[in-house]
Amino acid sequence: MHIRTLAAAAVLLPLLACSQSPELKLPSLGDLKEHATESVDITLGAFPLHFAASLMDDRDGDSAEVKKALKAVKSVQIRSFRFDTGFACSQAGLGALRSQLSQPGWSRLVEAHKRNQEDVGVYVALEDQVIRGIAIVACQPREFTIINIVGTVDLDQLARLRRALTPGPTGTM
């Protein structure tokens, strides 16, 4: 599957904490599943996320920061489909999804379009200037991915995690 999209989800996951749910109602994906040669369907609720956090070492600074952020994550949903041939994403399904993302509270951070029908959008759910969720939607002729992470982002914690996860000048962390 699209490793970069899944890697982005893995990087964003520990940056979030619990909030009221900006969880997306994903469109019917049966048509996509029926035509897909590969599919990924991951839904993680609070329990498995908190369990993973409980396994992290509090004595390690980086792990402690990730654990602190991960403990309060409410949910993560990843749906990804790959097709052997070009398959136009259902405009009705995408329309319903985009309609949710255009509601008050959601803001588009990034939107990219290419002539060959590649379309990527990154959205955040905001409440009182606090990020409560993130959605990533990527549609290509042979691939379609939706990632929805529900939780708040502590911007100070985000900056600390970014510094901890960014390689130093020698390429080491």
N, C-alpha and C. Protein backbone atom coordinates (compact mmCIF):
# COMPACT_ATOMS: atom_id res chain seq x y z
N MET A 1 0.85 -1.18 0.00
CA MET A 1 0.00 0.00 0.00
C MET A 1 0.89 1.24 0.00
N HIS A 2 0.30 2.34 -0.07
CA HIS A 2 0.99 3.61 -0.13
C HIS A 2 1.70 3.86 1.20
N ILE A 3 2.95 3.46 1.29
CA ILE A 3 3.73 3.47 2.53
C ILE A 3 3.82 4.89 3.10
N ARG A 4 3.99 5.89 2.26
CA ARG A 4 4.11 7.26 2.77
C ARG A 4 2.86 7.70 3.50
N THR A 5 1.69 7.34 3.00
CA THR A 5 0.45 7.72 3.66
C THR A 5 0.34 7.04 5.01
N LEU A 6 0.65 5.75 5.06
CA LEU A 6 0.60 5.04 6.33
C LEU A 6 1.66 5.55 7.29
N ALA A 7 2.82 5.91 6.77
CA ALA A 7 3.88 6.46 7.63
C ALA A 7 3.44 7.80 8.21
N ALA A 8 2.75 8.61 7.39
CA ALA A 8 2.24 9.88 7.90
C ALA A 8 1.27 9.65 9.04
N ALA A 9 0.42 8.65 8.90
CA ALA A 9 -0.52 8.32 9.98
C ALA A 9 0.22 7.89 11.23
N ALA A 10 1.27 7.08 11.05
CA ALA A 10 2.03 6.61 12.21
C ALA A 10 2.73 7.76 12.91
N VAL A 11 3.20 8.76 12.15
CA VAL A 11 3.86 9.91 12.76
C VAL A 11 2.83 10.80 13.46
N LEU A 12 1.67 10.98 12.86
CA LEU A 12 0.65 11.85 13.44
C LEU A 12 -0.03 11.22 14.65
N LEU A 13 -0.15 9.92 14.66
CA LEU A 13 -0.86 9.22 15.72
C LEU A 13 -0.42 9.61 17.12
N PRO A 14 0.85 9.58 17.45
CA PRO A 14 1.23 9.88 18.83
C PRO A 14 1.12 11.35 19.19
N LEU A 15 0.79 12.21 18.26
CA LEU A 15 0.71 13.63 18.54
C LEU A 15 -0.65 14.07 19.06
N LEU A 16 -1.59 13.14 19.17
CA LEU A 16 -2.95 13.51 19.49
C LEU A 16 -3.37 13.04 20.86
N ALA A 17 -4.31 13.74 21.44
CA ALA A 17 -4.88 13.34 22.73
C ALA A 17 -6.40 13.42 22.62
N CYS A 18 -7.10 12.90 23.63
CA CYS A 18 -8.56 12.72 23.60
C CYS A 18 -9.33 14.03 23.48
N SER A 19 -10.49 13.99 22.86
CA SER A 19 -11.37 15.15 22.73
C SER A 19 -12.78 14.68 22.41
N GLN A 20 -13.67 15.66 22.24
CA GLN A 20 -14.98 15.32 21.71
C GLN A 20 -14.75 14.88 20.27
N SER A 21 -15.59 14.01 19.77
CA SER A 21 -15.29 13.31 18.54
C SER A 21 -15.55 14.10 17.26
N PRO A 22 -14.49 14.44 16.52
CA PRO A 22 -14.65 14.91 15.15
C PRO A 22 -14.49 13.74 14.19
N GLU A 23 -14.97 12.58 14.62
CA GLU A 23 -14.83 11.36 13.84
C GLU A 23 -15.69 11.45 12.58
N LEU A 24 -15.09 11.16 11.44
CA LEU A 24 -15.81 11.22 10.18
C LEU A 24 -16.72 10.01 10.01
N LYS A 25 -17.84 10.23 9.38
CA LYS A 25 -18.71 9.13 8.96
C LYS A 25 -18.23 8.79 7.56
N LEU A 26 -17.48 7.70 7.46
CA LEU A 26 -16.89 7.35 6.17
C LEU A 26 -17.96 6.88 5.21
N PRO A 27 -17.84 7.28 3.94
CA PRO A 27 -18.84 6.86 2.94
C PRO A 27 -18.81 5.35 2.77
N SER A 28 -19.87 4.83 2.18
CA SER A 28 -19.93 3.39 1.91
C SER A 28 -18.72 3.01 1.07
N LEU A 29 -17.95 2.07 1.58
CA LEU A 29 -16.71 1.69 0.89
C LEU A 29 -16.84 0.34 0.20
N GLY A 30 -18.05 -0.22 0.20
CA GLY A 30 -18.27 -1.53 -0.41
C GLY A 30 -17.88 -1.56 -1.87
N ASP A 31 -18.22 -0.50 -2.62
CA ASP A 31 -17.89 -0.44 -4.04
C ASP A 31 -16.38 -0.42 -4.23
N LEU A 32 -15.68 0.32 -3.38
CA LEU A 32 -14.23 0.37 -3.48
C LEU A 32 -13.61 -1.00 -3.15
N LYS A 33 -14.10 -1.62 -2.07
CA LYS A 33 -13.59 -2.93 -1.67
C LYS A 33 -13.80 -3.97 -2.77
N GLU A 34 -14.96 -3.88 -3.42
CA GLU A 34 -15.31 -4.83 -4.47
C GLU A 34 -14.35 -4.76 -5.64
N HIS A 35 -13.86 -3.57 -5.97
CA HIS A 35 -12.97 -3.38 -7.11
C HIS A 35 -11.49 -3.41 -6.73
N ALA A 36 -11.17 -3.39 -5.44
CA ALA A 36 -9.78 -3.30 -4.99
C ALA A 36 -9.08 -4.65 -5.06
N THR A 37 -7.80 -4.60 -5.40
CA THR A 37 -6.97 -5.80 -5.35
C THR A 37 -6.29 -5.92 -3.99
N GLU A 38 -6.15 -4.79 -3.30
CA GLU A 38 -5.61 -4.75 -1.94
C GLU A 38 -6.44 -3.77 -1.13
N SER A 39 -6.63 -4.07 0.13
CA SER A 39 -7.31 -3.11 0.99
C SER A 39 -6.77 -3.19 2.41
N VAL A 40 -6.80 -2.06 3.07
CA VAL A 40 -6.41 -1.96 4.47
C VAL A 40 -7.59 -1.32 5.20
N ASP A 41 -8.01 -1.94 6.30
CA ASP A 41 -9.13 -1.43 7.09
C ASP A 41 -8.72 -1.51 8.56
N ILE A 42 -8.25 -0.40 9.10
CA ILE A 42 -7.76 -0.37 10.48
C ILE A 42 -8.61 0.61 11.28
N THR A 43 -9.13 0.14 12.39
CA THR A 43 -9.83 1.01 13.33
C THR A 43 -9.28 0.70 14.72
N LEU A 44 -8.68 1.69 15.33
CA LEU A 44 -8.15 1.55 16.67
C LEU A 44 -8.89 2.51 17.60
N GLY A 45 -9.49 1.96 18.63
CA GLY A 45 -10.15 2.77 19.62
C GLY A 45 -9.22 3.08 20.77
N ALA A 46 -9.78 3.64 21.82
CA ALA A 46 -8.99 4.08 22.96
C ALA A 46 -8.23 2.93 23.64
N PHE A 47 -8.87 1.77 23.81
CA PHE A 47 -8.22 0.69 24.55
C PHE A 47 -6.91 0.23 23.93
N PRO A 48 -6.88 -0.15 22.63
CA PRO A 48 -5.58 -0.60 22.09
C PRO A 48 -4.53 0.52 22.06
N LEU A 49 -4.97 1.76 21.88
CA LEU A 49 -4.02 2.87 21.87
C LEU A 49 -3.44 3.09 23.27
N HIS A 50 -4.30 3.01 24.27
CA HIS A 50 -3.83 3.19 25.66
C HIS A 50 -2.97 2.01 26.09
N PHE A 51 -3.31 0.82 25.61
CA PHE A 51 -2.50 -0.36 25.91
C PHE A 51 -1.09 -0.19 25.35
N ALA A 52 -0.99 0.28 24.10
CA ALA A 52 0.33 0.52 23.50
C ALA A 52 1.11 1.54 24.31
N ALA A 53 0.43 2.59 24.77
CA ALA A 53 1.09 3.60 25.59
C ALA A 53 1.60 3.01 26.89
N SER A 54 0.84 2.07 27.47
CA SER A 54 1.24 1.48 28.74
C SER A 54 2.52 0.65 28.62
N LEU A 55 2.87 0.23 27.42
CA LEU A 55 4.08 -0.57 27.21
C LEU A 55 5.34 0.27 27.03
N MET A 56 5.16 1.60 26.92
CA MET A 56 6.31 2.47 26.69
C MET A 56 7.02 2.80 28.00
N ASP A 57 8.33 3.01 27.92
CA ASP A 57 9.18 3.27 29.08
C ASP A 57 9.12 4.74 29.49
N ASP A 58 8.67 5.01 30.72
CA ASP A 58 8.59 6.37 31.24
C ASP A 58 9.96 7.00 31.47
N ARG A 59 10.99 6.17 31.62
CA ARG A 59 12.33 6.69 31.94
C ARG A 59 13.04 7.23 30.70
N ASP A 60 12.62 6.81 29.52
CA ASP A 60 13.19 7.32 28.28
C ASP A 60 12.42 8.58 27.90
N GLY A 61 13.12 9.71 27.72
CA GLY A 61 12.47 10.99 27.46
C GLY A 61 11.56 10.99 26.24
N ASP A 62 12.06 10.45 25.12
CA ASP A 62 11.26 10.42 23.89
C ASP A 62 10.03 9.53 24.06
N SER A 63 10.24 8.35 24.65
CA SER A 63 9.12 7.42 24.86
C SER A 63 8.09 8.02 25.81
N ALA A 64 8.57 8.72 26.82
CA ALA A 64 7.65 9.34 27.78
C ALA A 64 6.78 10.39 27.09
N GLU A 65 7.36 11.17 26.18
CA GLU A 65 6.59 12.18 25.45
C GLU A 65 5.54 11.52 24.55
N VAL A 66 5.96 10.49 23.83
CA VAL A 66 5.03 9.77 22.95
C VAL A 66 3.93 9.13 23.80
N LYS A 67 4.30 8.54 24.91
CA LYS A 67 3.33 7.89 25.81
C LYS A 67 2.31 8.90 26.31
N LYS A 68 2.78 10.06 26.71
CA LYS A 68 1.89 11.11 27.21
C LYS A 68 0.87 11.53 26.15
N ALA A 69 1.34 11.68 24.91
CA ALA A 69 0.44 12.06 23.82
C ALA A 69 -0.51 10.93 23.45
N LEU A 70 0.01 9.71 23.43
CA LEU A 70 -0.76 8.55 22.97
C LEU A 70 -1.84 8.14 23.95
N LYS A 71 -1.62 8.36 25.23
CA LYS A 71 -2.56 7.91 26.25
C LYS A 71 -3.98 8.44 26.04
N ALA A 72 -4.10 9.63 25.52
CA ALA A 72 -5.42 10.24 25.42
C ALA A 72 -6.03 10.19 24.02
N VAL A 73 -5.41 9.51 23.07
CA VAL A 73 -5.97 9.40 21.71
C VAL A 73 -7.27 8.61 21.78
N LYS A 74 -8.29 9.11 21.12
CA LYS A 74 -9.59 8.46 21.16
C LYS A 74 -9.73 7.40 20.06
N SER A 75 -9.37 7.73 18.83
CA SER A 75 -9.52 6.74 17.76
C SER A 75 -8.68 7.10 16.54
N VAL A 76 -8.37 6.05 15.78
CA VAL A 76 -7.67 6.19 14.51
C VAL A 76 -8.36 5.25 13.52
N GLN A 77 -8.71 5.78 12.36
CA GLN A 77 -9.29 4.96 11.29
C GLN A 77 -8.43 5.14 10.04
N ILE A 78 -8.06 4.04 9.43
CA ILE A 78 -7.32 4.07 8.17
C ILE A 78 -8.03 3.14 7.20
N ARG A 79 -8.42 3.67 6.05
CA ARG A 79 -9.02 2.88 4.98
C ARG A 79 -8.20 3.16 3.73
N SER A 80 -7.64 2.11 3.13
CA SER A 80 -6.83 2.31 1.95
C SER A 80 -7.11 1.19 0.95
N PHE A 81 -7.20 1.55 -0.32
CA PHE A 81 -7.54 0.61 -1.39
C PHE A 81 -6.60 0.82 -2.56
N ARG A 82 -6.16 -0.28 -3.16
CA ARG A 82 -5.33 -0.24 -4.36
C ARG A 82 -6.06 -1.03 -5.45
N PHE A 83 -5.95 -0.53 -6.69
CA PHE A 83 -6.65 -1.14 -7.82
C PHE A 83 -5.66 -1.49 -8.92
N ASP A 84 -5.94 -2.57 -9.67
CA ASP A 84 -5.09 -2.96 -10.79
C ASP A 84 -5.23 -2.00 -11.97
N THR A 85 -6.42 -1.49 -12.15
CA THR A 85 -6.67 -0.57 -13.25
C THR A 85 -7.18 0.74 -12.68
N GLY A 86 -7.18 1.76 -13.51
CA GLY A 86 -7.70 3.04 -13.07
C GLY A 86 -9.16 2.90 -12.64
N PHE A 87 -9.46 3.35 -11.46
CA PHE A 87 -10.82 3.26 -10.93
C PHE A 87 -11.18 4.61 -10.36
N ALA A 88 -12.12 5.29 -10.99
CA ALA A 88 -12.52 6.61 -10.52
C ALA A 88 -13.20 6.47 -9.16
N CYS A 89 -12.69 7.20 -8.18
CA CYS A 89 -13.33 7.20 -6.87
C CYS A 89 -14.74 7.73 -7.03
N SER A 90 -15.66 7.14 -6.32
CA SER A 90 -17.05 7.55 -6.38
C SER A 90 -17.18 9.02 -6.01
N GLN A 91 -17.63 9.82 -6.95
CA GLN A 91 -17.80 11.24 -6.68
C GLN A 91 -18.87 11.48 -5.61
N ALA A 92 -19.88 10.61 -5.57
CA ALA A 92 -20.91 10.73 -4.53
C ALA A 92 -20.30 10.46 -3.16
N GLY A 93 -19.48 9.41 -3.06
CA GLY A 93 -18.82 9.09 -1.80
C GLY A 93 -17.85 10.17 -1.38
N LEU A 94 -17.05 10.65 -2.34
CA LEU A 94 -16.12 11.73 -2.04
C LEU A 94 -16.86 13.01 -1.70
N GLY A 95 -17.97 13.25 -2.38
CA GLY A 95 -18.78 14.44 -2.09
C GLY A 95 -19.30 14.43 -0.66
N ALA A 96 -19.78 13.26 -0.20
CA ALA A 96 -20.28 13.16 1.18
C ALA A 96 -19.14 13.38 2.17
N LEU A 97 -17.97 12.85 1.87
CA LEU A 97 -16.82 13.03 2.75
C LEU A 97 -16.38 14.49 2.77
N ARG A 98 -16.27 15.09 1.60
CA ARG A 98 -15.86 16.50 1.52
C ARG A 98 -16.90 17.42 2.16
N SER A 99 -18.17 17.03 2.09
CA SER A 99 -19.21 17.81 2.74
C SER A 99 -18.98 17.87 4.24
N GLN A 100 -18.61 16.74 4.85
CA GLN A 100 -18.30 16.72 6.28
C GLN A 100 -17.09 17.61 6.59
N LEU A 101 -16.10 17.56 5.71
CA LEU A 101 -14.87 18.31 5.95
C LEU A 101 -15.02 19.80 5.66
N SER A 102 -16.14 20.19 5.07
CA SER A 102 -16.40 21.61 4.83
C SER A 102 -17.33 22.20 5.90
N GLN A 103 -17.74 21.38 6.85
CA GLN A 103 -18.60 21.85 7.94
C GLN A 103 -17.83 22.78 8.86
N PRO A 104 -18.55 23.65 9.59
CA PRO A 104 -17.87 24.50 10.57
C PRO A 104 -17.07 23.64 11.54
N GLY A 105 -15.90 24.11 11.87
CA GLY A 105 -15.02 23.37 12.76
C GLY A 105 -13.87 22.71 12.03
N TRP A 106 -14.06 22.35 10.75
CA TRP A 106 -12.98 21.75 9.97
C TRP A 106 -12.30 22.83 9.14
N SER A 107 -10.99 22.76 9.03
CA SER A 107 -10.22 23.69 8.19
C SER A 107 -9.27 22.88 7.32
N ARG A 108 -9.18 23.29 6.08
CA ARG A 108 -8.25 22.62 5.16
C ARG A 108 -6.86 23.22 5.35
N LEU A 109 -5.87 22.36 5.60
CA LEU A 109 -4.48 22.80 5.71
C LEU A 109 -3.78 22.72 4.37
N VAL A 110 -4.00 21.61 3.66
CA VAL A 110 -3.31 21.36 2.39
C VAL A 110 -4.30 20.76 1.41
N GLU A 111 -4.22 21.23 0.18
CA GLU A 111 -4.99 20.59 -0.89
C GLU A 111 -4.10 20.61 -2.13
N ALA A 112 -3.91 19.44 -2.72
CA ALA A 112 -3.06 19.34 -3.90
C ALA A 112 -3.79 18.56 -4.98
N HIS A 113 -3.75 19.08 -6.20
CA HIS A 113 -4.37 18.42 -7.35
C HIS A 113 -3.33 18.31 -8.46
N LYS A 114 -3.35 17.19 -9.15
CA LYS A 114 -2.51 17.02 -10.34
C LYS A 114 -3.41 16.68 -11.51
N ARG A 115 -2.92 16.97 -12.69
CA ARG A 115 -3.71 16.72 -13.90
C ARG A 115 -4.09 15.26 -14.07
N ASN A 116 -3.27 14.37 -13.58
CA ASN A 116 -3.56 12.94 -13.78
C ASN A 116 -4.50 12.42 -12.69
N GLN A 117 -5.34 13.29 -12.18
CA GLN A 117 -6.42 12.95 -11.25
C GLN A 117 -5.93 12.58 -9.85
N GLU A 118 -4.74 13.03 -9.48
CA GLU A 118 -4.29 12.83 -8.11
C GLU A 118 -4.84 13.99 -7.28
N ASP A 119 -5.35 13.66 -6.10
CA ASP A 119 -6.02 14.65 -5.26
C ASP A 119 -5.71 14.30 -3.80
N VAL A 120 -5.09 15.23 -3.07
CA VAL A 120 -4.76 15.01 -1.67
C VAL A 120 -5.22 16.20 -0.86
N GLY A 121 -5.84 15.92 0.29
CA GLY A 121 -6.25 16.99 1.20
C GLY A 121 -5.93 16.61 2.63
N VAL A 122 -5.46 17.60 3.40
CA VAL A 122 -5.21 17.43 4.83
C VAL A 122 -6.07 18.46 5.54
N TYR A 123 -6.86 17.99 6.50
CA TYR A 123 -7.82 18.83 7.21
C TYR A 123 -7.63 18.69 8.71
N VAL A 124 -7.94 19.75 9.45
CA VAL A 124 -7.92 19.69 10.91
C VAL A 124 -9.28 20.14 11.43
N ALA A 125 -9.73 19.50 12.50
CA ALA A 125 -10.95 19.92 13.20
C ALA A 125 -10.50 20.84 14.33
N LEU A 126 -11.01 22.07 14.32
CA LEU A 126 -10.62 23.05 15.32
C LEU A 126 -11.78 23.38 16.24
N GLU A 127 -11.47 23.54 17.51
CA GLU A 127 -12.45 23.99 18.50
C GLU A 127 -11.71 24.90 19.46
N ASP A 128 -12.13 26.17 19.54
CA ASP A 128 -11.46 27.15 20.39
C ASP A 128 -9.96 27.19 20.10
N GLN A 129 -9.59 27.19 18.83
CA GLN A 129 -8.21 27.25 18.37
C GLN A 129 -7.36 26.06 18.82
N VAL A 130 -8.00 24.93 19.15
CA VAL A 130 -7.32 23.71 19.53
C VAL A 130 -7.65 22.65 18.48
N ILE A 131 -6.62 21.97 17.99
CA ILE A 131 -6.84 20.91 17.01
C ILE A 131 -7.44 19.70 17.72
N ARG A 132 -8.63 19.26 17.26
CA ARG A 132 -9.34 18.12 17.86
C ARG A 132 -9.30 16.87 17.00
N GLY A 133 -8.82 16.99 15.77
CA GLY A 133 -8.75 15.84 14.89
C GLY A 133 -8.06 16.19 13.59
N ILE A 134 -7.62 15.17 12.88
CA ILE A 134 -6.95 15.34 11.60
C ILE A 134 -7.54 14.34 10.62
N ALA A 135 -7.74 14.78 9.39
CA ALA A 135 -8.20 13.89 8.31
C ALA A 135 -7.28 14.07 7.11
N ILE A 136 -6.90 12.95 6.52
CA ILE A 136 -6.09 12.96 5.30
C ILE A 136 -6.86 12.14 4.27
N VAL A 137 -7.10 12.74 3.11
CA VAL A 137 -7.83 12.07 2.02
C VAL A 137 -6.94 12.12 0.79
N ALA A 138 -6.59 10.94 0.25
CA ALA A 138 -5.75 10.87 -0.95
C ALA A 138 -6.44 9.98 -1.97
N CYS A 139 -6.67 10.54 -3.16
CA CYS A 139 -7.34 9.80 -4.23
C CYS A 139 -6.48 9.88 -5.49
N GLN A 140 -6.11 8.71 -5.99
CA GLN A 140 -5.37 8.59 -7.23
C GLN A 140 -6.12 7.59 -8.10
N PRO A 141 -5.82 7.55 -9.40
CA PRO A 141 -6.55 6.61 -10.25
C PRO A 141 -6.48 5.15 -9.78
N ARG A 142 -5.38 4.74 -9.15
CA ARG A 142 -5.24 3.34 -8.72
C ARG A 142 -5.17 3.18 -7.20
N GLU A 143 -5.44 4.27 -6.47
CA GLU A 143 -5.34 4.17 -5.02
C GLU A 143 -6.23 5.21 -4.34
N PHE A 144 -6.81 4.83 -3.22
CA PHE A 144 -7.67 5.73 -2.45
C PHE A 144 -7.44 5.46 -0.97
N THR A 145 -7.13 6.52 -0.20
CA THR A 145 -6.84 6.36 1.22
C THR A 145 -7.53 7.46 2.02
N ILE A 146 -8.11 7.06 3.16
CA ILE A 146 -8.68 8.00 4.13
C ILE A 146 -8.08 7.68 5.48
N ILE A 147 -7.56 8.71 6.15
CA ILE A 147 -7.05 8.56 7.51
C ILE A 147 -7.78 9.57 8.37
N ASN A 148 -8.35 9.13 9.48
CA ASN A 148 -9.06 10.02 10.40
C ASN A 148 -8.54 9.74 11.81
N ILE A 149 -7.88 10.73 12.40
CA ILE A 149 -7.34 10.62 13.74
C ILE A 149 -8.11 11.61 14.62
N VAL A 150 -8.66 11.11 15.72
CA VAL A 150 -9.47 11.94 16.60
C VAL A 150 -8.70 12.22 17.89
N GLY A 151 -8.55 13.48 18.23
CA GLY A 151 -7.88 13.88 19.45
C GLY A 151 -7.39 15.31 19.37
N THR A 152 -6.86 15.83 20.46
CA THR A 152 -6.33 17.19 20.46
C THR A 152 -4.83 17.16 20.30
N VAL A 153 -4.30 18.26 19.80
CA VAL A 153 -2.85 18.39 19.63
C VAL A 153 -2.37 19.50 20.55
N ASP A 154 -1.48 19.16 21.46
CA ASP A 154 -0.80 20.14 22.30
C ASP A 154 0.37 20.64 21.48
N LEU A 155 0.35 21.91 21.07
CA LEU A 155 1.37 22.41 20.16
C LEU A 155 2.76 22.41 20.79
N ASP A 156 2.86 22.63 22.11
CA ASP A 156 4.18 22.54 22.77
C ASP A 156 4.70 21.12 22.70
N GLN A 157 3.81 20.16 22.96
CA GLN A 157 4.21 18.75 22.91
C GLN A 157 4.59 18.36 21.48
N LEU A 158 3.84 18.87 20.50
CA LEU A 158 4.14 18.61 19.09
C LEU A 158 5.55 19.09 18.76
N ALA A 159 5.91 20.28 19.22
CA ALA A 159 7.24 20.82 18.95
C ALA A 159 8.32 19.94 19.60
N ARG A 160 8.08 19.49 20.84
CA ARG A 160 9.06 18.62 21.51
C ARG A 160 9.20 17.30 20.77
N LEU A 161 8.08 16.72 20.34
CA LEU A 161 8.14 15.45 19.61
C LEU A 161 8.85 15.62 18.27
N ARG A 162 8.58 16.73 17.59
CA ARG A 162 9.23 16.98 16.30
C ARG A 162 10.74 17.04 16.50
N ARG A 163 11.20 17.76 17.53
CA ARG A 163 12.64 17.83 17.80
C ARG A 163 13.21 16.46 18.14
N ALA A 164 12.45 15.67 18.91
CA ALA A 164 12.92 14.34 19.31
C ALA A 164 13.00 13.39 18.12
N LEU A 165 12.10 13.54 17.15
CA LEU A 165 12.03 12.61 16.03
C LEU A 165 12.79 13.08 14.80
N THR A 166 13.37 14.30 14.84
CA THR A 166 14.10 14.82 13.70
C THR A 166 15.56 14.42 13.82
N PRO A 167 16.13 13.85 12.75
CA PRO A 167 17.54 13.44 12.80
C PRO A 167 18.45 14.64 13.03
N GLY A 168 19.52 14.41 13.78
CA GLY A 168 20.52 15.45 14.02
C GLY A 168 21.40 15.62 12.80
N PRO A 169 22.43 16.48 12.91
CA PRO A 169 23.29 16.77 11.76
C PRO A 169 24.05 15.55 11.25
N THR A 170 24.27 14.53 12.09
CA THR A 170 24.97 13.34 11.63
C THR A 170 24.04 12.27 11.10
N GLY A 171 22.73 12.60 11.08
CA GLY A 171 21.76 11.63 10.59
C GLY A 171 21.24 10.72 11.70
N THR A 172 21.68 10.96 12.94
CA THR A 172 21.20 10.17 14.06
C THR A 172 20.11 10.91 14.79
N MET A 173 19.32 10.17 15.54
CA MET A 173 18.25 10.79 16.31
C MET A 173 18.71 11.03 17.71
